[in-house]
Amino acid sequence: MIAAKVIDSIWSTRKADSLVGLKFMLVEVLGGIDAGRLMIAADTISAGVGERVIVCSGSSARKMLGRDDVPIDAVIVGIIDEDCTF
């Protein structure tokens, strides 16, 4: 899992049928060797811009959605409490 900060929403006028209904967010990785890296993550918990979140990646992200046929590599699975420090 990865700690990240939500930077912005990603809008797509056209996407694969298996992605319809999913909301996408641009997130920036916090800490570690990938700090500062930007990723697009499906948002399953209605995270907001500016919030720090927990991102699950790889095959675990697809399992989070309950489907293996979705071309997803990252999913927001939690919001980090404001009083938590790194």
PDB file of N, CA and C in Angstrom:
ATOM      1  N   MET A   1       0.841  -1.177   0.000  1.00  0.00           N
ATOM      2  CA  MET A   1       0.000   0.000   0.000  1.00  0.00           C
ATOM      3  C   MET A   1       0.884   1.237   0.000  1.00  0.00           C
ATOM      4  N   ILE A   2       0.320   2.321  -0.476  1.00  0.00           N
ATOM      5  CA  ILE A   2       1.055   3.566  -0.664  1.00  0.00           C
ATOM      6  C   ILE A   2       0.295   4.709  -0.003  1.00  0.00           C
ATOM      7  N   ALA A   3       1.012   5.602   0.659  1.00  0.00           N
ATOM      8  CA  ALA A   3       0.409   6.838   1.175  1.00  0.00           C
ATOM      9  C   ALA A   3       0.544   7.882   0.075  1.00  0.00           C
ATOM     10  N   ALA A   4      -0.535   8.618  -0.176  1.00  0.00           N
ATOM     11  CA  ALA A   4      -0.528   9.614  -1.251  1.00  0.00           C
ATOM     12  C   ALA A   4      -1.430  10.783  -0.878  1.00  0.00           C
ATOM     13  N   LYS A   5      -1.296  11.867  -1.637  1.00  0.00           N
ATOM     14  CA  LYS A   5      -2.157  13.034  -1.460  1.00  0.00           C
ATOM     15  C   LYS A   5      -2.947  13.247  -2.748  1.00  0.00           C
ATOM     16  N   VAL A   6      -4.249  13.458  -2.618  1.00  0.00           N
ATOM     17  CA  VAL A   6      -5.091  13.687  -3.792  1.00  0.00           C
ATOM     18  C   VAL A   6      -4.811  15.092  -4.329  1.00  0.00           C
ATOM     19  N   ILE A   7      -4.439  15.163  -5.594  1.00  0.00           N
ATOM     20  CA  ILE A   7      -4.081  16.426  -6.236  1.00  0.00           C
ATOM     21  C   ILE A   7      -5.258  17.017  -7.016  1.00  0.00           C
ATOM     22  N   ASP A   8      -5.996  16.159  -7.728  1.00  0.00           N
ATOM     23  CA  ASP A   8      -7.070  16.654  -8.594  1.00  0.00           C
ATOM     24  C   ASP A   8      -7.953  15.495  -9.044  1.00  0.00           C
ATOM     25  N   SER A   9      -9.081  15.828  -9.624  1.00  0.00           N
ATOM     26  CA  SER A   9      -9.955  14.836 -10.257  1.00  0.00           C
ATOM     27  C   SER A   9      -9.503  14.642 -11.700  1.00  0.00           C
ATOM     28  N   ILE A  10      -9.731  13.460 -12.223  1.00  0.00           N
ATOM     29  CA  ILE A  10      -9.440  13.161 -13.625  1.00  0.00           C
ATOM     30  C   ILE A  10     -10.775  12.911 -14.318  1.00  0.00           C
ATOM     31  N   TRP A  11     -11.023  13.640 -15.379  1.00  0.00           N
ATOM     32  CA  TRP A  11     -12.270  13.482 -16.130  1.00  0.00           C
ATOM     33  C   TRP A  11     -11.989  12.795 -17.449  1.00  0.00           C
ATOM     34  N   SER A  12     -12.841  11.874 -17.843  1.00  0.00           N
ATOM     35  CA  SER A  12     -12.695  11.157 -19.099  1.00  0.00           C
ATOM     36  C   SER A  12     -14.041  11.111 -19.795  1.00  0.00           C
ATOM     37  N   THR A  13     -14.094  11.653 -20.992  1.00  0.00           N
ATOM     38  CA  THR A  13     -15.368  11.645 -21.723  1.00  0.00           C
ATOM     39  C   THR A  13     -15.630  10.288 -22.357  1.00  0.00           C
ATOM     40  N   ARG A  14     -14.571   9.549 -22.628  1.00  0.00           N
ATOM     41  CA  ARG A  14     -14.727   8.201 -23.179  1.00  0.00           C
ATOM     42  C   ARG A  14     -13.775   7.266 -22.462  1.00  0.00           C
ATOM     43  N   LYS A  15     -14.270   6.083 -22.117  1.00  0.00           N
ATOM     44  CA  LYS A  15     -13.415   5.090 -21.476  1.00  0.00           C
ATOM     45  C   LYS A  15     -13.988   3.699 -21.723  1.00  0.00           C
ATOM     46  N   ALA A  16     -13.187   2.686 -21.428  1.00  0.00           N
ATOM     47  CA  ALA A  16     -13.614   1.303 -21.616  1.00  0.00           C
ATOM     48  C   ALA A  16     -14.886   1.038 -20.810  1.00  0.00           C
ATOM     49  N   ASP A  17     -15.738   0.192 -21.348  1.00  0.00           N
ATOM     50  CA  ASP A  17     -17.011  -0.123 -20.687  1.00  0.00           C
ATOM     51  C   ASP A  17     -16.823  -0.590 -19.246  1.00  0.00           C
ATOM     52  N   SER A  18     -15.754  -1.331 -18.978  1.00  0.00           N
ATOM     53  CA  SER A  18     -15.539  -1.851 -17.631  1.00  0.00           C
ATOM     54  C   SER A  18     -15.169  -0.754 -16.627  1.00  0.00           C
ATOM     55  N   LEU A  19     -14.860   0.456 -17.114  1.00  0.00           N
ATOM     56  CA  LEU A  19     -14.498   1.565 -16.236  1.00  0.00           C
ATOM     57  C   LEU A  19     -15.651   2.542 -15.990  1.00  0.00           C
ATOM     58  N   VAL A  20     -16.773   2.335 -16.679  1.00  0.00           N
ATOM     59  CA  VAL A  20     -17.919   3.222 -16.517  1.00  0.00           C
ATOM     60  C   VAL A  20     -18.397   3.180 -15.066  1.00  0.00           C
ATOM     61  N   GLY A  21     -18.630   4.348 -14.499  1.00  0.00           N
ATOM     62  CA  GLY A  21     -19.102   4.452 -13.127  1.00  0.00           C
ATOM     63  C   GLY A  21     -17.990   4.640 -12.105  1.00  0.00           C
ATOM     64  N   LEU A  22     -16.740   4.504 -12.538  1.00  0.00           N
ATOM     65  CA  LEU A  22     -15.621   4.707 -11.619  1.00  0.00           C
ATOM     66  C   LEU A  22     -15.143   6.153 -11.679  1.00  0.00           C
ATOM     67  N   LYS A  23     -14.829   6.715 -10.522  1.00  0.00           N
ATOM     68  CA  LYS A  23     -14.300   8.068 -10.409  1.00  0.00           C
ATOM     69  C   LYS A  23     -12.780   7.956 -10.295  1.00  0.00           C
ATOM     70  N   PHE A  24     -12.046   8.801 -11.022  1.00  0.00           N
ATOM     71  CA  PHE A  24     -10.593   8.759 -11.006  1.00  0.00           C
ATOM     72  C   PHE A  24     -10.009  10.029 -10.411  1.00  0.00           C
ATOM     73  N   MET A  25      -8.924   9.858  -9.651  1.00  0.00           N
ATOM     74  CA  MET A  25      -8.239  10.978  -9.009  1.00  0.00           C
ATOM     75  C   MET A  25      -6.749  10.914  -9.328  1.00  0.00           C
ATOM     76  N   LEU A  26      -6.136  12.090  -9.441  1.00  0.00           N
ATOM     77  CA  LEU A  26      -4.688  12.187  -9.589  1.00  0.00           C
ATOM     78  C   LEU A  26      -4.111  12.290  -8.190  1.00  0.00           C
ATOM     79  N   VAL A  27      -3.179  11.384  -7.852  1.00  0.00           N
ATOM     80  CA  VAL A  27      -2.581  11.381  -6.521  1.00  0.00           C
ATOM     81  C   VAL A  27      -1.060  11.477  -6.630  1.00  0.00           C
ATOM     82  N   GLU A  28      -0.446  12.070  -5.593  1.00  0.00           N
ATOM     83  CA  GLU A  28       1.006  12.184  -5.512  1.00  0.00           C
ATOM     84  C   GLU A  28       1.494  11.319  -4.355  1.00  0.00           C
ATOM     85  N   VAL A  29       2.443  10.432  -4.640  1.00  0.00           N
ATOM     86  CA  VAL A  29       2.984   9.529  -3.626  1.00  0.00           C
ATOM     87  C   VAL A  29       3.736  10.326  -2.565  1.00  0.00           C
ATOM     88  N   LEU A  30       3.502   9.982  -1.295  1.00  0.00           N
ATOM     89  CA  LEU A  30       4.175  10.629  -0.159  1.00  0.00           C
ATOM     90  C   LEU A  30       5.214   9.676   0.411  1.00  0.00           C
ATOM     91  N   GLY A  31       6.439  10.114   0.535  1.00  0.00           N
ATOM     92  CA  GLY A  31       7.490   9.327   1.167  1.00  0.00           C
ATOM     93  C   GLY A  31       8.018   8.189   0.319  1.00  0.00           C
ATOM     94  N   GLY A  32       9.150   7.636   0.785  1.00  0.00           N
ATOM     95  CA  GLY A  32       9.771   6.506   0.100  1.00  0.00           C
ATOM     96  C   GLY A  32      10.506   6.906  -1.165  1.00  0.00           C
ATOM     97  N   ILE A  33      10.954   5.904  -1.905  1.00  0.00           N
ATOM     98  CA  ILE A  33      11.734   6.176  -3.118  1.00  0.00           C
ATOM     99  C   ILE A  33      10.886   6.727  -4.256  1.00  0.00           C
ATOM    100  N   ASP A  34       9.573   6.527  -4.183  1.00  0.00           N
ATOM    101  CA  ASP A  34       8.669   7.038  -5.225  1.00  0.00           C
ATOM    102  C   ASP A  34       8.024   8.364  -4.847  1.00  0.00           C
ATOM    103  N   ALA A  35       8.502   9.011  -3.788  1.00  0.00           N
ATOM    104  CA  ALA A  35       7.920  10.287  -3.345  1.00  0.00           C
ATOM    105  C   ALA A  35       7.857  11.275  -4.503  1.00  0.00           C
ATOM    106  N   GLY A  36       6.708  11.907  -4.659  1.00  0.00           N
ATOM    107  CA  GLY A  36       6.504  12.879  -5.730  1.00  0.00           C
ATOM    108  C   GLY A  36       5.952  12.286  -7.008  1.00  0.00           C
ATOM    109  N   ARG A  37       5.972  10.983  -7.137  1.00  0.00           N
ATOM    110  CA  ARG A  37       5.439  10.320  -8.343  1.00  0.00           C
ATOM    111  C   ARG A  37       3.927  10.522  -8.411  1.00  0.00           C
ATOM    112  N   LEU A  38       3.431  10.827  -9.603  1.00  0.00           N
ATOM    113  CA  LEU A  38       1.990  11.000  -9.800  1.00  0.00           C
ATOM    114  C   LEU A  38       1.382   9.709 -10.322  1.00  0.00           C
ATOM    115  N   MET A  39       0.187   9.405  -9.838  1.00  0.00           N
ATOM    116  CA  MET A  39      -0.548   8.215 -10.263  1.00  0.00           C
ATOM    117  C   MET A  39      -2.018   8.576 -10.451  1.00  0.00           C
ATOM    118  N   ILE A  40      -2.684   7.811 -11.282  1.00  0.00           N
ATOM    119  CA  ILE A  40      -4.138   7.912 -11.397  1.00  0.00           C
ATOM    120  C   ILE A  40      -4.713   6.719 -10.652  1.00  0.00           C
ATOM    121  N   ALA A  41      -5.646   6.991  -9.736  1.00  0.00           N
ATOM    122  CA  ALA A  41      -6.239   5.928  -8.926  1.00  0.00           C
ATOM    123  C   ALA A  41      -7.758   6.027  -8.965  1.00  0.00           C
ATOM    124  N   ALA A  42      -8.413   4.866  -9.056  1.00  0.00           N
ATOM    125  CA  ALA A  42      -9.867   4.835  -8.951  1.00  0.00           C
ATOM    126  C   ALA A  42     -10.226   5.154  -7.500  1.00  0.00           C
ATOM    127  N   ASP A  43     -11.256   5.949  -7.309  1.00  0.00           N
ATOM    128  CA  ASP A  43     -11.657   6.375  -5.965  1.00  0.00           C
ATOM    129  C   ASP A  43     -12.919   5.635  -5.548  1.00  0.00           C
ATOM    130  N   THR A  44     -12.793   4.740  -4.577  1.00  0.00           N
ATOM    131  CA  THR A  44     -13.942   3.950  -4.125  1.00  0.00           C
ATOM    132  C   THR A  44     -14.574   4.506  -2.856  1.00  0.00           C
ATOM    133  N   ILE A  45     -13.973   5.570  -2.275  1.00  0.00           N
ATOM    134  CA  ILE A  45     -14.451   6.048  -0.979  1.00  0.00           C
ATOM    135  C   ILE A  45     -14.769   7.544  -0.960  1.00  0.00           C
ATOM    136  N   SER A  46     -14.850   8.164  -2.112  1.00  0.00           N
ATOM    137  CA  SER A  46     -15.178   9.594  -2.230  1.00  0.00           C
ATOM    138  C   SER A  46     -14.175  10.503  -1.524  1.00  0.00           C
ATOM    139  N   ALA A  47     -12.907  10.273  -1.789  1.00  0.00           N
ATOM    140  CA  ALA A  47     -11.845  11.136  -1.247  1.00  0.00           C
ATOM    141  C   ALA A  47     -11.918  12.496  -1.927  1.00  0.00           C
ATOM    142  N   GLY A  48     -11.463  13.514  -1.224  1.00  0.00           N
ATOM    143  CA  GLY A  48     -11.487  14.864  -1.767  1.00  0.00           C
ATOM    144  C   GLY A  48     -10.091  15.373  -2.088  1.00  0.00           C
ATOM    145  N   VAL A  49     -10.030  16.392  -2.931  1.00  0.00           N
ATOM    146  CA  VAL A  49      -8.767  17.019  -3.275  1.00  0.00           C
ATOM    147  C   VAL A  49      -8.131  17.569  -2.003  1.00  0.00           C
ATOM    148  N   GLY A  50      -6.835  17.310  -1.823  1.00  0.00           N
ATOM    149  CA  GLY A  50      -6.103  17.763  -0.653  1.00  0.00           C
ATOM    150  C   GLY A  50      -6.007  16.735   0.458  1.00  0.00           C
ATOM    151  N   GLU A  51      -6.820  15.679   0.406  1.00  0.00           N
ATOM    152  CA  GLU A  51      -6.778  14.663   1.457  1.00  0.00           C
ATOM    153  C   GLU A  51      -5.619  13.698   1.227  1.00  0.00           C
ATOM    154  N   ARG A  52      -5.072  13.219   2.342  1.00  0.00           N
ATOM    155  CA  ARG A  52      -4.062  12.163   2.274  1.00  0.00           C
ATOM    156  C   ARG A  52      -4.792  10.830   2.310  1.00  0.00           C
ATOM    157  N   VAL A  53      -4.378   9.924   1.431  1.00  0.00           N
ATOM    158  CA  VAL A  53      -5.113   8.675   1.246  1.00  0.00           C
ATOM    159  C   VAL A  53      -4.179   7.467   1.237  1.00  0.00           C
ATOM    160  N   ILE A  54      -4.776   6.301   1.373  1.00  0.00           N
ATOM    161  CA  ILE A  54      -4.075   5.030   1.232  1.00  0.00           C
ATOM    162  C   ILE A  54      -4.470   4.463  -0.127  1.00  0.00           C
ATOM    163  N   VAL A  55      -3.459   4.107  -0.920  1.00  0.00           N
ATOM    164  CA  VAL A  55      -3.687   3.583  -2.261  1.00  0.00           C
ATOM    165  C   VAL A  55      -3.186   2.145  -2.324  1.00  0.00           C
ATOM    166  N   CYS A  56      -4.015   1.278  -2.845  1.00  0.00           N
ATOM    167  CA  CYS A  56      -3.672  -0.118  -3.063  1.00  0.00           C
ATOM    168  C   CYS A  56      -3.358  -0.263  -4.553  1.00  0.00           C
ATOM    169  N   SER A  57      -2.307  -1.004  -4.900  1.00  0.00           N
ATOM    170  CA  SER A  57      -1.932  -1.087  -6.310  1.00  0.00           C
ATOM    171  C   SER A  57      -1.792  -2.533  -6.772  1.00  0.00           C
ATOM    172  N   GLY A  58      -1.654  -2.693  -8.087  1.00  0.00           N
ATOM    173  CA  GLY A  58      -1.466  -4.009  -8.685  1.00  0.00           C
ATOM    174  C   GLY A  58      -2.723  -4.853  -8.670  1.00  0.00           C
ATOM    175  N   SER A  59      -2.539  -6.176  -8.606  1.00  0.00           N
ATOM    176  CA  SER A  59      -3.689  -7.081  -8.653  1.00  0.00           C
ATOM    177  C   SER A  59      -4.602  -6.892  -7.441  1.00  0.00           C
ATOM    178  N   SER A  60      -4.050  -6.419  -6.338  1.00  0.00           N
ATOM    179  CA  SER A  60      -4.877  -6.147  -5.152  1.00  0.00           C
ATOM    180  C   SER A  60      -5.899  -5.055  -5.432  1.00  0.00           C
ATOM    181  N   ALA A  61      -5.546  -4.104  -6.298  1.00  0.00           N
ATOM    182  CA  ALA A  61      -6.471  -3.025  -6.653  1.00  0.00           C
ATOM    183  C   ALA A  61      -7.679  -3.590  -7.396  1.00  0.00           C
ATOM    184  N   ARG A  62      -7.441  -4.490  -8.316  1.00  0.00           N
ATOM    185  CA  ARG A  62      -8.553  -5.105  -9.051  1.00  0.00           C
ATOM    186  C   ARG A  62      -9.438  -5.920  -8.117  1.00  0.00           C
ATOM    187  N   LYS A  63      -8.826  -6.612  -7.183  1.00  0.00           N
ATOM    188  CA  LYS A  63      -9.606  -7.410  -6.228  1.00  0.00           C
ATOM    189  C   LYS A  63     -10.449  -6.523  -5.332  1.00  0.00           C
ATOM    190  N   MET A  64      -9.968  -5.329  -5.041  1.00  0.00           N
ATOM    191  CA  MET A  64     -10.730  -4.382  -4.223  1.00  0.00           C
ATOM    192  C   MET A  64     -12.063  -4.052  -4.886  1.00  0.00           C
ATOM    193  N   LEU A  65     -12.056  -4.022  -6.227  1.00  0.00           N
ATOM    194  CA  LEU A  65     -13.283  -3.739  -6.976  1.00  0.00           C
ATOM    195  C   LEU A  65     -14.146  -4.980  -7.146  1.00  0.00           C
ATOM    196  N   GLY A  66     -13.609  -6.135  -6.767  1.00  0.00           N
ATOM    197  CA  GLY A  66     -14.375  -7.368  -6.858  1.00  0.00           C
ATOM    198  C   GLY A  66     -14.454  -7.948  -8.254  1.00  0.00           C
ATOM    199  N   ARG A  67     -13.600  -7.448  -9.150  1.00  0.00           N
ATOM    200  CA  ARG A  67     -13.616  -7.937 -10.535  1.00  0.00           C
ATOM    201  C   ARG A  67     -12.183  -7.998 -11.056  1.00  0.00           C
ATOM    202  N   ASP A  68     -11.864  -9.070 -11.756  1.00  0.00           N
ATOM    203  CA  ASP A  68     -10.526  -9.212 -12.328  1.00  0.00           C
ATOM    204  C   ASP A  68     -10.453  -8.700 -13.760  1.00  0.00           C
ATOM    205  N   ASP A  69     -11.590  -8.335 -14.348  1.00  0.00           N
ATOM    206  CA  ASP A  69     -11.606  -7.912 -15.753  1.00  0.00           C
ATOM    207  C   ASP A  69     -11.446  -6.405 -15.929  1.00  0.00           C
ATOM    208  N   VAL A  70     -11.220  -5.664 -14.839  1.00  0.00           N
ATOM    209  CA  VAL A  70     -11.105  -4.208 -14.897  1.00  0.00           C
ATOM    210  C   VAL A  70      -9.632  -3.818 -15.046  1.00  0.00           C
ATOM    211  N   PRO A  71      -9.311  -2.980 -16.046  1.00  0.00           N
ATOM    212  CA  PRO A  71      -7.915  -2.573 -16.248  1.00  0.00           C
ATOM    213  C   PRO A  71      -7.497  -1.456 -15.290  1.00  0.00           C
ATOM    214  N   ILE A  72      -7.422  -1.788 -14.006  1.00  0.00           N
ATOM    215  CA  ILE A  72      -7.099  -0.827 -12.948  1.00  0.00           C
ATOM    216  C   ILE A  72      -5.793  -1.249 -12.291  1.00  0.00           C
ATOM    217  N   ASP A  73      -4.924  -0.272 -12.011  1.00  0.00           N
ATOM    218  CA  ASP A  73      -3.666  -0.566 -11.347  1.00  0.00           C
ATOM    219  C   ASP A  73      -3.578   0.080  -9.968  1.00  0.00           C
ATOM    220  N   ALA A  74      -4.480   1.012  -9.649  1.00  0.00           N
ATOM    221  CA  ALA A  74      -4.429   1.684  -8.345  1.00  0.00           C
ATOM    222  C   ALA A  74      -5.838   2.080  -7.906  1.00  0.00           C
ATOM    223  N   VAL A  75      -6.124   1.878  -6.616  1.00  0.00           N
ATOM    224  CA  VAL A  75      -7.434   2.202  -6.042  1.00  0.00           C
ATOM    225  C   VAL A  75      -7.230   2.884  -4.693  1.00  0.00           C
ATOM    226  N   ILE A  76      -7.956   3.969  -4.461  1.00  0.00           N
ATOM    227  CA  ILE A  76      -7.935   4.626  -3.157  1.00  0.00           C
ATOM    228  C   ILE A  76      -8.831   3.812  -2.228  1.00  0.00           C
ATOM    229  N   VAL A  77      -8.238   3.339  -1.115  1.00  0.00           N
ATOM    230  CA  VAL A  77      -8.977   2.459  -0.212  1.00  0.00           C
ATOM    231  C   VAL A  77      -9.164   3.037   1.193  1.00  0.00           C
ATOM    232  N   GLY A  78      -8.541   4.184   1.480  1.00  0.00           N
ATOM    233  CA  GLY A  78      -8.687   4.776   2.800  1.00  0.00           C
ATOM    234  C   GLY A  78      -8.256   6.228   2.824  1.00  0.00           C
ATOM    235  N   ILE A  79      -8.782   6.970   3.795  1.00  0.00           N
ATOM    236  CA  ILE A  79      -8.389   8.365   4.012  1.00  0.00           C
ATOM    237  C   ILE A  79      -7.593   8.405   5.312  1.00  0.00           C
ATOM    238  N   ILE A  80      -6.412   9.004   5.262  1.00  0.00           N
ATOM    239  CA  ILE A  80      -5.535   9.085   6.427  1.00  0.00           C
ATOM    240  C   ILE A  80      -6.010  10.221   7.329  1.00  0.00           C
ATOM    241  N   ASP A  81      -6.132   9.944   8.632  1.00  0.00           N
ATOM    242  CA  ASP A  81      -6.559  10.959   9.593  1.00  0.00           C
ATOM    243  C   ASP A  81      -5.596  12.139   9.583  1.00  0.00           C
ATOM    244  N   GLU A  82      -6.140  13.325   9.784  1.00  0.00           N
ATOM    245  CA  GLU A  82      -5.332  14.545   9.765  1.00  0.00           C
ATOM    246  C   GLU A  82      -4.259  14.585  10.839  1.00  0.00           C
ATOM    247  N   ASP A  83      -4.499  13.977  11.989  1.00  0.00           N
ATOM    248  CA  ASP A  83      -3.517  14.054  13.063  1.00  0.00           C
ATOM    249  C   ASP A  83      -2.426  12.992  12.964  1.00  0.00           C
ATOM    250  N   CYS A  84      -2.419  12.219  11.900  1.00  0.00           N
ATOM    251  CA  CYS A  84      -1.394  11.195  11.674  1.00  0.00           C
ATOM    252  C   CYS A  84      -0.201  11.839  10.960  1.00  0.00           C
ATOM    253  N   THR A  85       1.003  11.633  11.488  1.00  0.00           N
ATOM    254  CA  THR A  85       2.193  12.183  10.859  1.00  0.00           C
ATOM    255  C   THR A  85       3.080  11.068  10.347  1.00  0.00           C
ATOM    256  N   PHE A  86       3.928  11.396   9.398  1.00  0.00           N
ATOM    257  CA  PHE A  86       4.858  10.421   8.831  1.00  0.00           C
ATOM    258  C   PHE A  86       6.234  10.630   9.400  1.00  0.00           C
TER     259      PHE A  86
END
